[in-house]
Amino acid sequence: MSRETVFIGFGSNLGDRLDYCDRAVTLLSLLPHSRITGVSSLYETEPLADGTDPGLGWFLNGAVRMETDVTARSLLEVCREIESSLGRDQEHRDGPRTLDLDILFYGGYIIQEPDLVIPHPRLHLRRFALVPLAELDPDWVHPVFNRTVKALLDSLDDRAIVRLLDPQPGSRYGSRPACHVPASEREPIP
């Protein structure tokens, strides 16, 4: 299998949100046959007003860009295992969550399976997902809509509050990979 560029969104609105997000990024960085090439800043985001998200607390959200040989199906399983290991209640996925991991893009693939839909089916409607993606790669093209992440964000009707977490925890968490590595500074992938 060839190496794919993958974007994974992460978020937490329960417990030590910062620690859960950091641990998720650290665990993703340990995935065999994979390498994280960027981590967005963290954003504090209000819960969705449409009733699809619990309103108990604001989220911390971000996104990871990685290169991987792991299949989309296996990556979904890894994401669910990481969520479970960090206390996510899998039976009540719409409730408050210690950690939520979503595969936003898997290369340019379009996957429509009962329990795996890529690109994420509501990505184009959610500011909290598009803002971190635009930070990592504003020119990434959504394979269904054939529009860049930046264009989707610029045309978005969602007015939910998404604010940069200040200060960013980068200096506190040495294990966190650097945010948005310019192409000229990236290491070649073996």
Protein backbone atom coordinates (compact mmCIF):
# COMPACT_ATOMS: atom_id res chain seq x y z
CA MET A 1 0.00 0.00 0.00
CA SER A 2 1.23 3.50 -0.75
CA ARG A 3 1.73 6.17 1.86
CA GLU A 4 -1.23 8.55 2.26
CA THR A 5 -1.61 11.98 3.77
CA VAL A 6 -4.22 11.78 6.50
CA PHE A 7 -5.87 14.46 8.63
CA ILE A 8 -7.34 13.52 12.00
CA GLY A 9 -9.40 15.94 14.07
CA PHE A 10 -9.32 15.67 17.85
CA GLY A 11 -11.35 17.23 20.62
CA SER A 12 -12.19 17.00 24.31
CA ASN A 13 -14.80 18.62 26.55
CA LEU A 14 -14.49 16.55 29.71
CA GLY A 15 -11.83 16.42 32.40
CA ASP A 16 -8.34 17.75 31.70
CA ARG A 17 -9.02 18.64 28.06
CA LEU A 18 -5.46 19.80 27.40
CA ASP A 19 -3.97 16.58 28.73
CA TYR A 20 -6.36 14.40 26.72
CA CYS A 21 -5.52 16.28 23.51
CA ASP A 22 -1.80 16.06 24.18
CA ARG A 23 -2.00 12.35 24.96
CA ALA A 24 -3.98 11.72 21.77
CA VAL A 25 -1.32 13.44 19.64
CA THR A 26 1.43 11.54 21.47
CA LEU A 27 -0.31 8.18 20.93
CA LEU A 28 -0.92 8.94 17.24
CA SER A 29 2.78 9.77 16.88
CA LEU A 30 3.62 6.22 18.03
CA LEU A 31 1.58 4.57 15.26
CA PRO A 32 3.84 2.22 13.24
CA HIS A 33 4.41 2.99 9.55
CA SER A 34 3.30 6.57 10.17
CA ARG A 35 4.80 9.97 10.81
CA ILE A 36 3.11 13.12 12.06
CA THR A 37 3.99 16.03 9.78
CA GLY A 38 1.96 18.74 11.51
CA VAL A 39 -0.18 19.53 14.51
CA SER A 40 -2.46 22.55 14.54
CA SER A 41 -2.74 25.00 17.36
CA LEU A 42 -5.39 24.24 19.94
CA TYR A 43 -8.71 26.05 19.73
CA GLU A 44 -11.39 26.48 22.35
CA THR A 45 -14.74 25.95 20.67
CA GLU A 46 -18.33 26.23 21.80
CA PRO A 47 -20.50 23.12 21.57
CA LEU A 48 -22.71 22.88 18.50
CA ALA A 49 -26.03 24.65 18.89
CA ASP A 50 -27.86 22.20 16.62
CA GLY A 51 -28.24 19.66 19.41
CA THR A 52 -25.79 17.13 17.92
CA ASP A 53 -23.12 17.82 20.54
CA PRO A 54 -23.44 17.87 24.31
CA GLY A 55 -23.63 21.36 25.77
CA LEU A 56 -21.89 20.60 29.03
CA GLY A 57 -18.62 22.27 28.25
CA TRP A 58 -16.51 23.98 25.65
CA PHE A 59 -14.20 21.81 23.61
CA LEU A 60 -10.51 21.98 22.91
CA ASN A 61 -10.08 21.07 19.26
CA GLY A 62 -7.19 20.61 16.88
CA ALA A 63 -6.01 18.51 13.97
CA VAL A 64 -3.06 16.31 13.08
CA ARG A 65 -1.59 15.76 9.62
CA MET A 66 0.28 12.51 9.15
CA GLU A 67 1.78 10.31 6.48
CA THR A 68 0.85 6.65 6.90
CA ASP A 69 0.78 3.21 5.31
CA VAL A 70 -2.01 2.15 7.68
CA THR A 71 -5.33 1.47 5.92
CA ALA A 72 -8.32 3.71 6.64
CA ARG A 73 -10.15 0.83 8.36
CA SER A 74 -7.16 0.05 10.60
CA LEU A 75 -6.70 3.75 11.34
CA LEU A 76 -10.35 3.96 12.48
CA GLU A 77 -9.74 1.00 14.80
CA VAL A 78 -6.63 2.68 16.23
CA CYS A 79 -8.57 5.91 16.80
CA ARG A 80 -11.33 4.00 18.66
CA GLU A 81 -8.71 2.20 20.77
CA ILE A 82 -7.06 5.52 21.69
CA GLU A 83 -10.44 7.02 22.58
CA SER A 84 -11.27 4.01 24.78
CA SER A 85 -7.88 4.00 26.46
CA LEU A 86 -8.44 7.65 27.41
CA GLY A 87 -11.87 6.99 28.90
CA ARG A 88 -14.26 7.64 25.98
CA ASP A 89 -17.68 6.05 26.53
CA GLN A 90 -18.16 4.22 23.20
CA GLU A 91 -21.78 3.33 23.96
CA HIS A 92 -22.77 6.99 24.40
CA ARG A 93 -20.68 8.61 21.66
CA ASP A 94 -22.85 11.75 21.61
CA GLY A 95 -22.32 12.45 25.30
CA PRO A 96 -19.55 14.46 26.94
CA ARG A 97 -16.22 13.07 25.87
CA THR A 98 -12.72 12.83 27.20
CA LEU A 99 -11.55 12.46 23.63
CA ASP A 100 -13.02 12.40 20.15
CA LEU A 101 -10.88 11.38 17.15
CA ASP A 102 -12.26 11.72 13.62
CA ILE A 103 -10.56 10.84 10.35
CA LEU A 104 -11.28 13.98 8.34
CA PHE A 105 -9.40 13.08 5.15
CA TYR A 106 -7.58 9.94 4.04
CA GLY A 107 -5.64 11.07 1.00
CA GLY A 108 -8.07 11.93 -1.76
CA TYR A 109 -10.20 8.88 -1.06
CA ILE A 110 -13.97 8.87 -0.78
CA ILE A 111 -15.10 6.00 1.45
CA GLN A 112 -18.78 5.24 2.08
CA GLU A 113 -19.21 2.32 4.47
CA PRO A 114 -21.80 1.91 7.25
CA ASP A 115 -19.31 2.76 10.01
CA LEU A 116 -16.61 4.60 8.04
CA VAL A 117 -17.31 7.70 5.96
CA ILE A 118 -14.36 9.70 4.62
CA PRO A 119 -14.13 12.63 4.18
CA HIS A 120 -15.97 13.23 7.44
CA PRO A 121 -19.59 13.80 6.37
CA ARG A 122 -20.12 17.07 8.29
CA LEU A 123 -16.62 18.49 7.98
CA HIS A 124 -17.65 21.17 5.48
CA LEU A 125 -20.27 22.47 7.96
CA ARG A 126 -18.10 22.81 11.06
CA ARG A 127 -15.88 25.77 11.85
CA PHE A 128 -14.21 23.92 14.75
CA ALA A 129 -12.89 21.32 12.28
CA LEU A 130 -12.07 23.60 9.34
CA VAL A 131 -10.07 26.21 11.30
CA PRO A 132 -7.35 23.75 12.47
CA LEU A 133 -7.32 22.13 9.00
CA ALA A 134 -6.86 25.51 7.33
CA GLU A 135 -3.90 26.16 9.62
CA LEU A 136 -2.27 22.87 8.56
CA ASP A 137 -3.04 22.92 4.84
CA PRO A 138 -5.42 25.60 3.51
CA ASP A 139 -4.97 24.36 -0.07
CA TRP A 140 -5.99 20.75 0.63
CA VAL A 141 -8.85 19.89 -1.73
CA HIS A 142 -12.00 18.22 -0.41
CA PRO A 143 -12.53 15.31 -2.85
CA VAL A 144 -16.34 15.46 -2.72
CA PHE A 145 -16.82 19.21 -3.14
CA ASN A 146 -13.61 19.84 -5.13
CA ARG A 147 -12.94 22.97 -3.05
CA THR A 148 -9.99 23.84 -0.83
CA VAL A 149 -10.26 23.81 2.95
CA LYS A 150 -9.77 27.60 2.89
CA ALA A 151 -12.61 28.06 0.37
CA LEU A 152 -14.91 25.88 2.50
CA LEU A 153 -14.01 27.89 5.60
CA ASP A 154 -14.46 31.24 3.83
CA SER A 155 -17.97 30.29 2.64
CA LEU A 156 -19.08 28.71 5.92
CA ASP A 157 -22.37 29.80 7.50
CA ASP A 158 -21.42 28.35 10.92
CA ARG A 159 -20.77 31.29 13.27
CA ALA A 160 -19.77 29.20 16.28
CA ILE A 161 -17.00 30.69 18.39
CA VAL A 162 -13.59 29.18 17.68
CA ARG A 163 -10.82 30.97 19.53
CA LEU A 164 -7.13 30.25 19.64
CA LEU A 165 -6.10 28.85 23.01
CA ASP A 166 -3.76 31.37 24.58
CA PRO A 167 -1.10 30.64 25.54
CA GLN A 168 -0.47 27.58 23.43
CA PRO A 169 0.86 24.61 25.40
CA GLY A 170 3.83 23.98 23.07
CA SER A 171 6.46 24.85 25.63
CA ARG A 172 4.77 22.73 28.31
CA TYR A 173 4.53 19.57 26.20
CA GLY A 174 7.85 18.71 24.66
CA SER A 175 6.43 15.55 23.05
CA ARG A 176 4.04 17.56 20.88
CA PRO A 177 5.26 17.70 17.26
CA ALA A 178 5.77 21.15 15.78
CA CYS A 179 2.83 22.92 14.27
CA HIS A 180 2.68 23.34 10.46
CA VAL A 181 6.10 22.42 9.15
CA PRO A 182 6.79 24.24 5.86
CA ALA A 183 7.47 21.90 2.93
CA SER A 184 11.04 23.16 2.66
CA GLU A 185 11.75 22.04 6.24
CA ARG A 186 10.05 18.62 6.16
CA GLU A 187 12.13 15.50 6.47
CA PRO A 188 11.88 13.12 3.52
CA ILE A 189 9.62 10.15 4.19
CA PRO A 190 11.52 6.85 4.04
